[in-house]
Amino acid sequence: MRFLKFAGRVLRSAVSFAGATVPALLRDGTGLAGAIAIAYGSWLIYVPAGYIVGGVLLIIFAILTAPRSQA
């Protein structure tokens, strides 16, 4: 009986953790797929533009995710 209580607590904890992380992972994955689609679409139009757009998107991502300075 103690094992079932323990298993229930572990399962409840795992579901709680998954419920908190899955939406964030889904949002990040969707954003990454969109960035790849934009870079690939520009690459289809003009090959060097695909590399330029991909680089610009990476720079924007780096700026947005950089830690903020407390000045």
PDB file of N, CA and C in Angstrom:
ATOM      1  N   MET A   1       0.824  -1.198   0.000  1.00  0.00           N
ATOM      2  CA  MET A   1       0.000   0.000   0.000  1.00  0.00           C
ATOM      3  C   MET A   1       0.865   1.257   0.000  1.00  0.00           C
ATOM      4  N   ARG A   2       1.992   1.195   0.741  1.00  0.00           N
ATOM      5  CA  ARG A   2       2.865   2.373   0.760  1.00  0.00           C
ATOM      6  C   ARG A   2       3.437   2.652  -0.622  1.00  0.00           C
ATOM      7  N   PHE A   3       3.704   1.562  -1.363  1.00  0.00           N
ATOM      8  CA  PHE A   3       4.243   1.741  -2.706  1.00  0.00           C
ATOM      9  C   PHE A   3       3.259   2.480  -3.598  1.00  0.00           C
ATOM     10  N   LEU A   4       1.984   2.173  -3.474  1.00  0.00           N
ATOM     11  CA  LEU A   4       0.985   2.851  -4.292  1.00  0.00           C
ATOM     12  C   LEU A   4       0.886   4.334  -3.952  1.00  0.00           C
ATOM     13  N   LYS A   5       0.999   4.683  -2.678  1.00  0.00           N
ATOM     14  CA  LYS A   5       0.986   6.089  -2.296  1.00  0.00           C
ATOM     15  C   LYS A   5       2.206   6.808  -2.852  1.00  0.00           C
ATOM     16  N   PHE A   6       3.363   6.129  -2.755  1.00  0.00           N
ATOM     17  CA  PHE A   6       4.595   6.710  -3.290  1.00  0.00           C
ATOM     18  C   PHE A   6       4.493   6.890  -4.809  1.00  0.00           C
ATOM     19  N   ALA A   7       3.998   5.860  -5.494  1.00  0.00           N
ATOM     20  CA  ALA A   7       3.847   5.932  -6.945  1.00  0.00           C
ATOM     21  C   ALA A   7       2.877   7.047  -7.333  1.00  0.00           C
ATOM     22  N   GLY A   8       1.822   7.222  -6.551  1.00  0.00           N
ATOM     23  CA  GLY A   8       0.871   8.301  -6.825  1.00  0.00           C
ATOM     24  C   GLY A   8       1.510   9.672  -6.679  1.00  0.00           C
ATOM     25  N   ARG A   9       2.330   9.850  -5.637  1.00  0.00           N
ATOM     26  CA  ARG A   9       3.020  11.138  -5.456  1.00  0.00           C
ATOM     27  C   ARG A   9       4.003  11.402  -6.579  1.00  0.00           C
ATOM     28  N   VAL A  10       4.743  10.366  -6.982  1.00  0.00           N
ATOM     29  CA  VAL A  10       5.709  10.523  -8.073  1.00  0.00           C
ATOM     30  C   VAL A  10       4.989  10.854  -9.372  1.00  0.00           C
ATOM     31  N   LEU A  11       3.916  10.163  -9.662  1.00  0.00           N
ATOM     32  CA  LEU A  11       3.159  10.416 -10.883  1.00  0.00           C
ATOM     33  C   LEU A  11       2.552  11.811 -10.879  1.00  0.00           C
ATOM     34  N   ARG A  12       2.003  12.226  -9.749  1.00  0.00           N
ATOM     35  CA  ARG A  12       1.437  13.572  -9.636  1.00  0.00           C
ATOM     36  C   ARG A  12       2.514  14.625  -9.858  1.00  0.00           C
ATOM     37  N   SER A  13       3.711  14.398  -9.307  1.00  0.00           N
ATOM     38  CA  SER A  13       4.814  15.324  -9.486  1.00  0.00           C
ATOM     39  C   SER A  13       5.260  15.377 -10.946  1.00  0.00           C
ATOM     40  N   ALA A  14       5.334  14.216 -11.596  1.00  0.00           N
ATOM     41  CA  ALA A  14       5.754  14.166 -12.996  1.00  0.00           C
ATOM     42  C   ALA A  14       4.752  14.870 -13.900  1.00  0.00           C
ATOM     43  N   VAL A  15       3.467  14.665 -13.654  1.00  0.00           N
ATOM     44  CA  VAL A  15       2.431  15.318 -14.465  1.00  0.00           C
ATOM     45  C   VAL A  15       2.462  16.822 -14.245  1.00  0.00           C
ATOM     46  N   SER A  16       2.688  17.249 -13.023  1.00  0.00           N
ATOM     47  CA  SER A  16       2.781  18.673 -12.727  1.00  0.00           C
ATOM     48  C   SER A  16       3.967  19.298 -13.450  1.00  0.00           C
ATOM     49  N   PHE A  17       5.115  18.614 -13.424  1.00  0.00           N
ATOM     50  CA  PHE A  17       6.310  19.112 -14.106  1.00  0.00           C
ATOM     51  C   PHE A  17       6.088  19.181 -15.610  1.00  0.00           C
ATOM     52  N   ALA A  18       5.500  18.131 -16.180  1.00  0.00           N
ATOM     53  CA  ALA A  18       5.236  18.104 -17.620  1.00  0.00           C
ATOM     54  C   ALA A  18       4.246  19.198 -18.013  1.00  0.00           C
ATOM     55  N   GLY A  19       3.250  19.427 -17.175  1.00  0.00           N
ATOM     56  CA  GLY A  19       2.270  20.468 -17.471  1.00  0.00           C
ATOM     57  C   GLY A  19       2.880  21.859 -17.455  1.00  0.00           C
ATOM     58  N   ALA A  20       3.949  22.026 -16.692  1.00  0.00           N
ATOM     59  CA  ALA A  20       4.603  23.332 -16.634  1.00  0.00           C
ATOM     60  C   ALA A  20       5.606  23.528 -17.763  1.00  0.00           C
ATOM     61  N   THR A  21       6.233  22.460 -18.248  1.00  0.00           N
ATOM     62  CA  THR A  21       7.289  22.617 -19.240  1.00  0.00           C
ATOM     63  C   THR A  21       6.831  22.433 -20.683  1.00  0.00           C
ATOM     64  N   VAL A  22       5.812  21.627 -20.918  1.00  0.00           N
ATOM     65  CA  VAL A  22       5.386  21.344 -22.287  1.00  0.00           C
ATOM     66  C   VAL A  22       4.935  22.606 -23.027  1.00  0.00           C
ATOM     67  N   PRO A  23       4.132  23.493 -22.437  1.00  0.00           N
ATOM     68  CA  PRO A  23       3.756  24.701 -23.195  1.00  0.00           C
ATOM     69  C   PRO A  23       4.953  25.559 -23.585  1.00  0.00           C
ATOM     70  N   ALA A  24       5.939  25.673 -22.715  1.00  0.00           N
ATOM     71  CA  ALA A  24       7.128  26.463 -23.047  1.00  0.00           C
ATOM     72  C   ALA A  24       7.913  25.800 -24.173  1.00  0.00           C
ATOM     73  N   LEU A  25       8.062  24.485 -24.125  1.00  0.00           N
ATOM     74  CA  LEU A  25       8.777  23.781 -25.187  1.00  0.00           C
ATOM     75  C   LEU A  25       8.024  23.867 -26.508  1.00  0.00           C
ATOM     76  N   LEU A  26       6.721  23.786 -26.450  1.00  0.00           N
ATOM     77  CA  LEU A  26       5.912  23.893 -27.658  1.00  0.00           C
ATOM     78  C   LEU A  26       6.040  25.283 -28.276  1.00  0.00           C
ATOM     79  N   ARG A  27       6.019  26.324 -27.423  1.00  0.00           N
ATOM     80  CA  ARG A  27       6.169  27.690 -27.911  1.00  0.00           C
ATOM     81  C   ARG A  27       7.548  27.891 -28.540  1.00  0.00           C
ATOM     82  N   ASP A  28       8.586  27.389 -27.899  1.00  0.00           N
ATOM     83  CA  ASP A  28       9.933  27.539 -28.436  1.00  0.00           C
ATOM     84  C   ASP A  28      10.111  26.757 -29.734  1.00  0.00           C
ATOM     85  N   GLY A  29       9.550  25.564 -29.780  1.00  0.00           N
ATOM     86  CA  GLY A  29       9.639  24.765 -30.997  1.00  0.00           C
ATOM     87  C   GLY A  29       8.910  25.402 -32.166  1.00  0.00           C
ATOM     88  N   THR A  30       7.761  26.004 -31.891  1.00  0.00           N
ATOM     89  CA  THR A  30       7.011  26.689 -32.935  1.00  0.00           C
ATOM     90  C   THR A  30       7.782  27.907 -33.448  1.00  0.00           C
ATOM     91  N   GLY A  31       8.394  28.645 -32.544  1.00  0.00           N
ATOM     92  CA  GLY A  31       9.193  29.796 -32.954  1.00  0.00           C
ATOM     93  C   GLY A  31      10.397  29.386 -33.776  1.00  0.00           C
ATOM     94  N   LEU A  32      11.051  28.297 -33.384  1.00  0.00           N
ATOM     95  CA  LEU A  32      12.204  27.798 -34.135  1.00  0.00           C
ATOM     96  C   LEU A  32      11.786  27.329 -35.522  1.00  0.00           C
ATOM     97  N   ALA A  33      10.665  26.638 -35.610  1.00  0.00           N
ATOM     98  CA  ALA A  33      10.165  26.189 -36.912  1.00  0.00           C
ATOM     99  C   ALA A  33       9.816  27.372 -37.810  1.00  0.00           C
ATOM    100  N   GLY A  34       9.256  28.414 -37.224  1.00  0.00           N
ATOM    101  CA  GLY A  34       8.947  29.614 -38.012  1.00  0.00           C
ATOM    102  C   GLY A  34      10.198  30.294 -38.532  1.00  0.00           C
ATOM    103  N   ALA A  35      11.224  30.378 -37.695  1.00  0.00           N
ATOM    104  CA  ALA A  35      12.481  30.999 -38.130  1.00  0.00           C
ATOM    105  C   ALA A  35      13.129  30.184 -39.248  1.00  0.00           C
ATOM    106  N   ILE A  36      13.074  28.863 -39.121  1.00  0.00           N
ATOM    107  CA  ILE A  36      13.631  28.003 -40.167  1.00  0.00           C
ATOM    108  C   ILE A  36      12.844  28.161 -41.461  1.00  0.00           C
ATOM    109  N   ALA A  37      11.534  28.263 -41.365  1.00  0.00           N
ATOM    110  CA  ALA A  37      10.706  28.427 -42.558  1.00  0.00           C
ATOM    111  C   ALA A  37      10.987  29.753 -43.260  1.00  0.00           C
ATOM    112  N   ILE A  38      11.195  30.813 -42.486  1.00  0.00           N
ATOM    113  CA  ILE A  38      11.513  32.114 -43.082  1.00  0.00           C
ATOM    114  C   ILE A  38      12.862  32.064 -43.790  1.00  0.00           C
ATOM    115  N   ALA A  39      13.869  31.489 -43.125  1.00  0.00           N
ATOM    116  CA  ALA A  39      15.201  31.405 -43.733  1.00  0.00           C
ATOM    117  C   ALA A  39      15.173  30.521 -44.980  1.00  0.00           C
ATOM    118  N   TYR A  40      14.458  29.405 -44.908  1.00  0.00           N
ATOM    119  CA  TYR A  40      14.381  28.501 -46.059  1.00  0.00           C
ATOM    120  C   TYR A  40      13.623  29.153 -47.218  1.00  0.00           C
ATOM    121  N   GLY A  41      12.561  29.867 -46.917  1.00  0.00           N
ATOM    122  CA  GLY A  41      11.813  30.544 -47.971  1.00  0.00           C
ATOM    123  C   GLY A  41      12.636  31.607 -48.673  1.00  0.00           C
ATOM    124  N   SER A  42      13.414  32.350 -47.912  1.00  0.00           N
ATOM    125  CA  SER A  42      14.277  33.348 -48.556  1.00  0.00           C
ATOM    126  C   SER A  42      15.404  32.667 -49.322  1.00  0.00           C
ATOM    127  N   TRP A  43      15.858  31.492 -48.865  1.00  0.00           N
ATOM    128  CA  TRP A  43      16.884  30.743 -49.575  1.00  0.00           C
ATOM    129  C   TRP A  43      16.351  30.255 -50.925  1.00  0.00           C
ATOM    130  N   LEU A  44      15.058  29.905 -50.976  1.00  0.00           N
ATOM    131  CA  LEU A  44      14.474  29.471 -52.243  1.00  0.00           C
ATOM    132  C   LEU A  44      14.408  30.610 -53.250  1.00  0.00           C
ATOM    133  N   ILE A  45      14.223  31.825 -52.756  1.00  0.00           N
ATOM    134  CA  ILE A  45      14.158  32.971 -53.655  1.00  0.00           C
ATOM    135  C   ILE A  45      15.551  33.341 -54.154  1.00  0.00           C
ATOM    136  N   TYR A  46      16.510  33.439 -53.215  1.00  0.00           N
ATOM    137  CA  TYR A  46      17.877  33.831 -53.560  1.00  0.00           C
ATOM    138  C   TYR A  46      18.789  33.203 -52.510  1.00  0.00           C
ATOM    139  N   VAL A  47      19.652  32.290 -52.939  1.00  0.00           N
ATOM    140  CA  VAL A  47      20.423  31.457 -52.017  1.00  0.00           C
ATOM    141  C   VAL A  47      21.194  32.267 -50.965  1.00  0.00           C
ATOM    142  N   PRO A  48      21.956  33.303 -51.315  1.00  0.00           N
ATOM    143  CA  PRO A  48      22.665  34.048 -50.262  1.00  0.00           C
ATOM    144  C   PRO A  48      21.719  34.734 -49.270  1.00  0.00           C
ATOM    145  N   ALA A  49      20.516  35.071 -49.712  1.00  0.00           N
ATOM    146  CA  ALA A  49      19.567  35.717 -48.805  1.00  0.00           C
ATOM    147  C   ALA A  49      19.160  34.770 -47.682  1.00  0.00           C
ATOM    148  N   GLY A  50      19.131  33.476 -47.953  1.00  0.00           N
ATOM    149  CA  GLY A  50      18.805  32.510 -46.913  1.00  0.00           C
ATOM    150  C   GLY A  50      19.815  32.535 -45.785  1.00  0.00           C
ATOM    151  N   TYR A  51      21.088  32.622 -46.118  1.00  0.00           N
ATOM    152  CA  TYR A  51      22.129  32.693 -45.091  1.00  0.00           C
ATOM    153  C   TYR A  51      22.077  34.026 -44.333  1.00  0.00           C
ATOM    154  N   ILE A  52      21.800  35.092 -45.056  1.00  0.00           N
ATOM    155  CA  ILE A  52      21.714  36.403 -44.412  1.00  0.00           C
ATOM    156  C   ILE A  52      20.530  36.448 -43.449  1.00  0.00           C
ATOM    157  N   VAL A  53      19.375  36.000 -43.890  1.00  0.00           N
ATOM    158  CA  VAL A  53      18.185  36.000 -43.038  1.00  0.00           C
ATOM    159  C   VAL A  53      18.383  35.076 -41.837  1.00  0.00           C
ATOM    160  N   GLY A  54      18.966  33.904 -42.060  1.00  0.00           N
ATOM    161  CA  GLY A  54      19.250  32.993 -40.958  1.00  0.00           C
ATOM    162  C   GLY A  54      20.187  33.613 -39.931  1.00  0.00           C
ATOM    163  N   GLY A  55      21.225  34.304 -40.389  1.00  0.00           N
ATOM    164  CA  GLY A  55      22.149  34.972 -39.476  1.00  0.00           C
ATOM    165  C   GLY A  55      21.483  36.096 -38.702  1.00  0.00           C
ATOM    166  N   VAL A  56      20.653  36.869 -39.381  1.00  0.00           N
ATOM    167  CA  VAL A  56      19.940  37.961 -38.702  1.00  0.00           C
ATOM    168  C   VAL A  56      18.996  37.406 -37.642  1.00  0.00           C
ATOM    169  N   LEU A  57      18.294  36.327 -37.957  1.00  0.00           N
ATOM    170  CA  LEU A  57      17.400  35.714 -36.971  1.00  0.00           C
ATOM    171  C   LEU A  57      18.172  35.188 -35.762  1.00  0.00           C
ATOM    172  N   LEU A  58      19.358  34.620 -35.985  1.00  0.00           N
ATOM    173  CA  LEU A  58      20.181  34.156 -34.868  1.00  0.00           C
ATOM    174  C   LEU A  58      20.675  35.317 -34.009  1.00  0.00           C
ATOM    175  N   ILE A  59      21.045  36.420 -34.643  1.00  0.00           N
ATOM    176  CA  ILE A  59      21.479  37.597 -33.881  1.00  0.00           C
ATOM    177  C   ILE A  59      20.319  38.152 -33.050  1.00  0.00           C
ATOM    178  N   ILE A  60      19.146  38.226 -33.642  1.00  0.00           N
ATOM    179  CA  ILE A  60      17.975  38.713 -32.901  1.00  0.00           C
ATOM    180  C   ILE A  60      17.675  37.798 -31.719  1.00  0.00           C
ATOM    181  N   PHE A  61      17.765  36.481 -31.932  1.00  0.00           N
ATOM    182  CA  PHE A  61      17.525  35.531 -30.850  1.00  0.00           C
ATOM    183  C   PHE A  61      18.556  35.718 -29.734  1.00  0.00           C
ATOM    184  N   ALA A  62      19.812  35.929 -30.094  1.00  0.00           N
ATOM    185  CA  ALA A  62      20.861  36.116 -29.094  1.00  0.00           C
ATOM    186  C   ALA A  62      20.622  37.406 -28.278  1.00  0.00           C
ATOM    187  N   ILE A  63      20.191  38.441 -28.943  1.00  0.00           N
ATOM    188  CA  ILE A  63      19.922  39.706 -28.233  1.00  0.00           C
ATOM    189  C   ILE A  63      18.715  39.557 -27.308  1.00  0.00           C
ATOM    190  N   LEU A  64      17.661  38.894 -27.772  1.00  0.00           N
ATOM    191  CA  LEU A  64      16.465  38.759 -26.957  1.00  0.00           C
ATOM    192  C   LEU A  64      16.669  37.837 -25.749  1.00  0.00           C
ATOM    193  N   THR A  65      17.561  36.865 -25.857  1.00  0.00           N
ATOM    194  CA  THR A  65      17.770  35.926 -24.758  1.00  0.00           C
ATOM    195  C   THR A  65      18.966  36.271 -23.889  1.00  0.00           C
ATOM    196  N   ALA A  66      19.668  37.371 -24.205  1.00  0.00           N
ATOM    197  CA  ALA A  66      20.819  37.768 -23.386  1.00  0.00           C
ATOM    198  C   ALA A  66      20.339  38.259 -22.018  1.00  0.00           C
ATOM    199  N   PRO A  67      21.129  38.010 -20.985  1.00  0.00           N
ATOM    200  CA  PRO A  67      20.736  38.500 -19.663  1.00  0.00           C
ATOM    201  C   PRO A  67      20.740  40.020 -19.610  1.00  0.00           C
ATOM    202  N   ARG A  68      19.771  40.559 -18.906  1.00  0.00           N
ATOM    203  CA  ARG A  68      19.654  42.006 -18.785  1.00  0.00           C
ATOM    204  C   ARG A  68      20.633  42.511 -17.736  1.00  0.00           C
ATOM    205  N   SER A  69      21.277  43.634 -18.017  1.00  0.00           N
ATOM    206  CA  SER A  69      22.180  44.215 -17.021  1.00  0.00           C
ATOM    207  C   SER A  69      21.381  45.114 -16.083  1.00  0.00           C
ATOM    208  N   GLN A  70      21.722  45.072 -14.815  1.00  0.00           N
ATOM    209  CA  GLN A  70      21.052  45.873 -13.796  1.00  0.00           C
ATOM    210  C   GLN A  70      21.851  47.147 -13.551  1.00  0.00           C
ATOM    211  N   ALA A  71      21.707  48.110 -14.419  1.00  0.00           N
ATOM    212  CA  ALA A  71      22.472  49.347 -14.290  1.00  0.00           C
ATOM    213  C   ALA A  71      21.683  50.436 -13.606  1.00  0.00           C
TER     214      ALA A  71
END
